Every structure is written in structure tokens, then in C-alpha cells.
Amino acid sequence: IVCFSIFAVVSVNFLKGDLRHCTGDYFDNNIATDENALNLLTHPKSFNDMTTFEQSMVGPSSSLYSFSSVGCTTAGANCCPIARPNDGWSNSETPTSKMLCNCWGASWEPVTFTVLDNYPIALMSLFIISTTEGWIDLMYAAVDATGVDMQPIANNNLGYIYFFVLFILIGSFFALNLFVGVMMDNFGRAKKM
């Protein structure tokens, strides 16, 4: 439990809120096919720092989302706060990838079967991957993670490979096999009685 707890605390500290991305049918059909939108989603800028073309992607003439249904018709305006009031941002504030994703009508969802947002979930996730099921998917998601509410970038931080390999060596091959060995020994002793 101590071994798993240490890895769980470390994973929560470094990966809390990082293992999500913009996805869904709308993303696949509209945003993923537009290289400029994908670049803006991956590297967001404040509305004031955007080029005129980039401003048009979050304005009333956007090819990614129709802001007319929310009443945004002013040319050169940032319509995203109007479209999604809870995720709105000022023109001088740099939005997160999640804000842009929600602005354009896509979904912000986990990359893998689990997220490492709190200790109990991280502990359960580490127990699951200690069986060597799904650990590579979680490792790749961590390697691609760029920050809280930011779109992943392939091979962003290769250091997480060492973390997950170390956990598999210690958590799976050592701790889990030690636990199984003790259980088998006790079962053998009980069988002899």
C-alpha cells in the first residue's frame, strides 16, 4: 500500500487535470480537419494577440461554429464568451484549449480509461495498471500531456516513460508478486493443517 500510495501521490501532483483532450464527432469533422484551428487549439492565444484570421475563427464569421444562434453578429468580436458564458474569457486573457474546444462545440473528455485527478482514483488506476493491462495507454497519455485543460501534443514529455516503467517494475513485478507469494505461502500452510 505504501508503494502504491507514493506513486499515486506523485502521479496526482504531476498529472492532475492533464489527461483530457478535445474530441467527439464535431471535433473530428470540423476542428481536426482545419490545420489553423488545430494549431490555435494546441497553442492558444489571447484574442488581442490573434491574427485577424484567427480572430475570425472565434467571431461571428467563424467556419467552425455558428455564433448567430447566440446573437453574436459584431465583426471582429470574440463570440466565445457569449456562446459559452461559463467558459468565457476576456480579450486580453489567454484561453485554455478546453475553453476553445467548448467554444467551438466539441467535447472535452479523458484521453484514456482513467484520469489521475485525485488520490483514490490514482490509487485504483495504479492497481489496475499493475496487472499490466492498459498501462501503455496511460503512459502515452501522460507523455503527450501539456498541462491542465490543454490539448495534448505527441511526445511532449518523455520523462513519464521512466515513471511508468519504474512503477511496473516496483508495483507490478515486486509488490504485487510479493503479495501473491505471501498468499500462496499461507494457502500452502493452511492446506497442510
Protein backbone atom coordinates (compact mmCIF):
# COMPACT_ATOMS: atom_id res chain seq x y z
CA ILE A 1 0.00 0.00 0.00
CA VAL A 2 2.89 2.36 0.81
CA CYS A 3 4.49 1.73 -2.58
CA PHE A 4 1.24 2.35 -4.44
CA SER A 5 0.49 5.41 -2.30
CA ILE A 6 3.81 7.03 -3.14
CA PHE A 7 3.27 6.56 -6.87
CA ALA A 8 -0.36 7.73 -6.57
CA VAL A 9 0.62 10.96 -4.81
CA VAL A 10 3.36 11.67 -7.36
CA SER A 11 1.03 10.97 -10.30
CA VAL A 12 -1.70 13.23 -8.90
CA ASN A 13 0.80 16.04 -8.27
CA PHE A 14 2.14 15.96 -11.81
CA LEU A 15 -0.86 14.82 -13.90
CA LYS A 16 -3.95 16.26 -12.20
CA GLY A 17 -6.20 17.70 -14.91
CA ASP A 18 -3.77 16.86 -17.72
CA LEU A 19 -5.23 13.69 -19.22
CA ARG A 20 -8.09 15.17 -21.24
CA HIS A 21 -8.44 16.34 -24.84
CA CYS A 22 -10.84 17.85 -27.34
CA THR A 23 -12.76 15.08 -29.06
CA GLY A 24 -16.11 13.98 -30.44
CA ASP A 25 -17.80 13.93 -33.82
CA TYR A 26 -17.79 17.71 -34.13
CA PHE A 27 -14.05 17.81 -33.42
CA ASP A 28 -13.33 15.03 -35.91
CA ASN A 29 -15.42 16.57 -38.70
CA ASN A 30 -14.60 20.27 -38.28
CA ILE A 31 -11.71 21.16 -35.98
CA ALA A 32 -9.33 18.26 -36.72
CA THR A 33 -9.60 18.87 -40.46
CA ASP A 34 -8.64 22.55 -40.14
CA GLU A 35 -4.89 22.93 -39.56
CA ASN A 36 -5.23 26.54 -38.36
CA ALA A 37 -7.89 25.64 -35.80
CA LEU A 38 -5.87 22.67 -34.59
CA ASN A 39 -2.80 24.91 -34.19
CA LEU A 40 -4.82 27.52 -32.26
CA LEU A 41 -6.33 24.79 -30.07
CA THR A 42 -2.87 23.38 -29.30
CA HIS A 43 -1.23 26.78 -28.76
CA PRO A 44 -3.99 29.20 -27.64
CA LYS A 45 -3.50 32.97 -27.72
CA SER A 46 -5.45 35.82 -26.24
CA PHE A 47 -7.99 37.37 -28.62
CA ASN A 48 -5.92 40.57 -28.74
CA ASP A 49 -2.80 38.62 -29.80
CA MET A 50 -4.56 36.59 -32.51
CA THR A 51 -4.18 37.39 -36.18
CA THR A 52 -7.27 38.65 -38.00
CA PHE A 53 -7.78 35.19 -39.47
CA GLU A 54 -7.54 33.55 -36.03
CA GLN A 55 -9.96 36.12 -34.61
CA SER A 56 -12.43 35.18 -37.33
CA MET A 57 -12.40 31.58 -36.02
CA VAL A 58 -13.91 32.75 -32.71
CA GLY A 59 -16.02 35.53 -34.20
CA PRO A 60 -19.36 35.71 -36.00
CA SER A 61 -17.84 34.72 -39.37
CA SER A 62 -16.34 31.52 -37.93
CA SER A 63 -16.22 28.49 -40.22
CA LEU A 64 -16.02 26.25 -37.13
CA TYR A 65 -19.15 27.27 -35.24
CA SER A 66 -22.24 29.33 -35.97
CA PHE A 67 -22.41 32.07 -33.36
CA SER A 68 -25.52 33.63 -34.95
CA SER A 69 -27.72 31.41 -32.77
CA VAL A 70 -26.32 33.14 -29.68
CA GLY A 71 -26.70 36.63 -31.06
CA CYS A 72 -23.07 37.45 -31.87
CA THR A 73 -23.04 39.50 -35.07
CA THR A 74 -20.42 42.21 -34.44
CA ALA A 75 -17.49 41.86 -36.87
CA GLY A 76 -14.12 41.46 -35.16
CA ALA A 77 -15.75 40.42 -31.87
CA ASN A 78 -14.83 37.50 -29.62
CA CYS A 79 -18.05 35.50 -29.61
CA CYS A 80 -16.86 32.61 -27.44
CA PRO A 81 -17.80 34.18 -24.08
CA ILE A 82 -21.28 34.77 -25.47
CA ALA A 83 -21.53 31.22 -26.82
CA ARG A 84 -20.31 29.62 -23.61
CA PRO A 85 -20.82 32.05 -20.70
CA ASN A 86 -19.31 29.68 -18.12
CA ASP A 87 -16.11 29.33 -20.13
CA GLY A 88 -15.87 32.92 -21.27
CA TRP A 89 -12.68 34.88 -21.19
CA SER A 90 -11.72 38.50 -21.70
CA ASN A 91 -9.97 39.61 -24.88
CA SER A 92 -6.65 40.08 -23.06
CA GLU A 93 -6.79 36.70 -21.26
CA THR A 94 -5.23 33.63 -22.91
CA PRO A 95 -7.85 30.88 -23.06
CA THR A 96 -7.13 27.24 -22.39
CA SER A 97 -7.59 24.55 -25.01
CA LYS A 98 -10.68 23.44 -23.10
CA MET A 99 -12.23 26.91 -23.48
CA LEU A 100 -11.64 26.88 -27.24
CA CYS A 101 -12.90 23.32 -27.54
CA ASN A 102 -16.13 24.19 -25.71
CA CYS A 103 -16.41 27.44 -27.67
CA TRP A 104 -16.43 25.53 -30.96
CA GLY A 105 -18.98 22.98 -29.71
CA ALA A 106 -16.72 19.94 -29.28
CA SER A 107 -16.37 17.73 -26.18
CA TRP A 108 -13.58 17.86 -23.58
CA GLU A 109 -13.13 14.27 -22.39
CA PRO A 110 -10.50 11.94 -20.87
CA VAL A 111 -7.83 10.55 -23.19
CA THR A 112 -7.70 7.12 -21.50
CA PHE A 113 -9.84 4.84 -19.37
CA THR A 114 -8.96 6.87 -16.28
CA VAL A 115 -7.64 10.21 -15.12
CA LEU A 116 -5.27 10.86 -12.25
CA ASP A 117 -7.15 13.77 -10.70
CA ASN A 118 -7.33 12.61 -7.08
CA TYR A 119 -5.69 10.12 -4.75
CA PRO A 120 -8.39 7.38 -4.63
CA ILE A 121 -8.77 7.30 -8.42
CA ALA A 122 -5.00 7.35 -8.91
CA LEU A 123 -4.58 4.51 -6.40
CA MET A 124 -7.22 2.42 -8.18
CA SER A 125 -5.71 3.25 -11.59
CA LEU A 126 -2.26 2.20 -10.45
CA PHE A 127 -3.68 -1.03 -9.08
CA ILE A 128 -5.31 -1.67 -12.47
CA ILE A 129 -2.13 -0.98 -14.43
CA SER A 130 -0.07 -3.09 -12.00
CA THR A 131 -1.78 -6.05 -13.68
CA THR A 132 -0.07 -4.75 -16.87
CA GLU A 133 -3.42 -4.03 -18.52
CA GLY A 134 -3.69 -0.62 -20.15
CA TRP A 135 -0.51 0.81 -18.66
CA ILE A 136 0.92 1.69 -22.07
CA ASP A 137 -2.17 3.75 -22.99
CA LEU A 138 -1.95 5.67 -19.72
CA MET A 139 1.80 6.16 -20.19
CA TYR A 140 1.32 7.54 -23.72
CA ALA A 141 -1.39 9.89 -22.47
CA ALA A 142 0.97 11.17 -19.76
CA VAL A 143 3.82 11.59 -22.26
CA ASP A 144 1.54 13.68 -24.52
CA ALA A 145 0.09 15.81 -21.68
CA THR A 146 0.92 19.52 -21.83
CA GLY A 147 -0.87 20.98 -18.83
CA VAL A 148 -4.20 21.43 -17.12
CA ASP A 149 -7.00 21.94 -19.67
CA MET A 150 -4.52 21.99 -22.56
CA GLN A 151 -4.65 19.90 -25.74
CA PRO A 152 -2.06 17.07 -25.76
CA ILE A 153 0.97 17.24 -28.05
CA ALA A 154 2.63 13.99 -29.17
CA ASN A 155 5.79 13.11 -27.21
CA ASN A 156 5.70 16.30 -25.15
CA ASN A 157 7.42 14.90 -22.03
CA LEU A 158 9.25 11.60 -22.47
CA GLY A 159 10.25 11.58 -18.79
CA TYR A 160 6.92 9.97 -17.88
CA ILE A 161 8.11 6.79 -19.60
CA TYR A 162 10.63 6.30 -16.77
CA PHE A 163 7.93 6.89 -14.16
CA PHE A 164 5.59 4.24 -15.58
CA VAL A 165 8.34 1.69 -16.28
CA LEU A 166 9.63 2.16 -12.72
CA PHE A 167 6.10 1.68 -11.39
CA ILE A 168 5.63 -1.52 -13.43
CA LEU A 169 8.96 -2.85 -12.12
CA ILE A 170 8.28 -1.96 -8.50
CA GLY A 171 4.47 -2.02 -8.32
CA SER A 172 3.76 -4.97 -10.55
CA PHE A 173 6.75 -7.27 -10.53
CA PHE A 174 7.84 -6.67 -6.95
CA ALA A 175 4.92 -5.55 -4.76
CA LEU A 176 2.10 -7.46 -6.46
CA ASN A 177 4.14 -10.66 -6.81
CA LEU A 178 5.26 -10.35 -3.17
CA PHE A 179 1.59 -10.11 -2.15
CA VAL A 180 0.67 -13.14 -4.29
CA GLY A 181 3.66 -15.08 -2.91
CA VAL A 182 2.60 -14.45 0.69
CA MET A 183 -0.97 -15.50 -0.11
CA MET A 184 0.24 -18.73 -1.77
CA ASP A 185 2.51 -19.48 1.20
CA ASN A 186 -0.36 -19.00 3.66
CA PHE A 187 -2.63 -21.12 1.47
CA GLY A 188 0.02 -23.89 1.43
CA ARG A 189 0.36 -23.75 5.22
CA ALA A 190 -3.41 -23.86 5.70
CA LYS A 191 -3.66 -26.83 3.32
CA LYS A 192 -1.12 -28.82 5.36
CA MET A 193 -3.14 -28.40 8.57
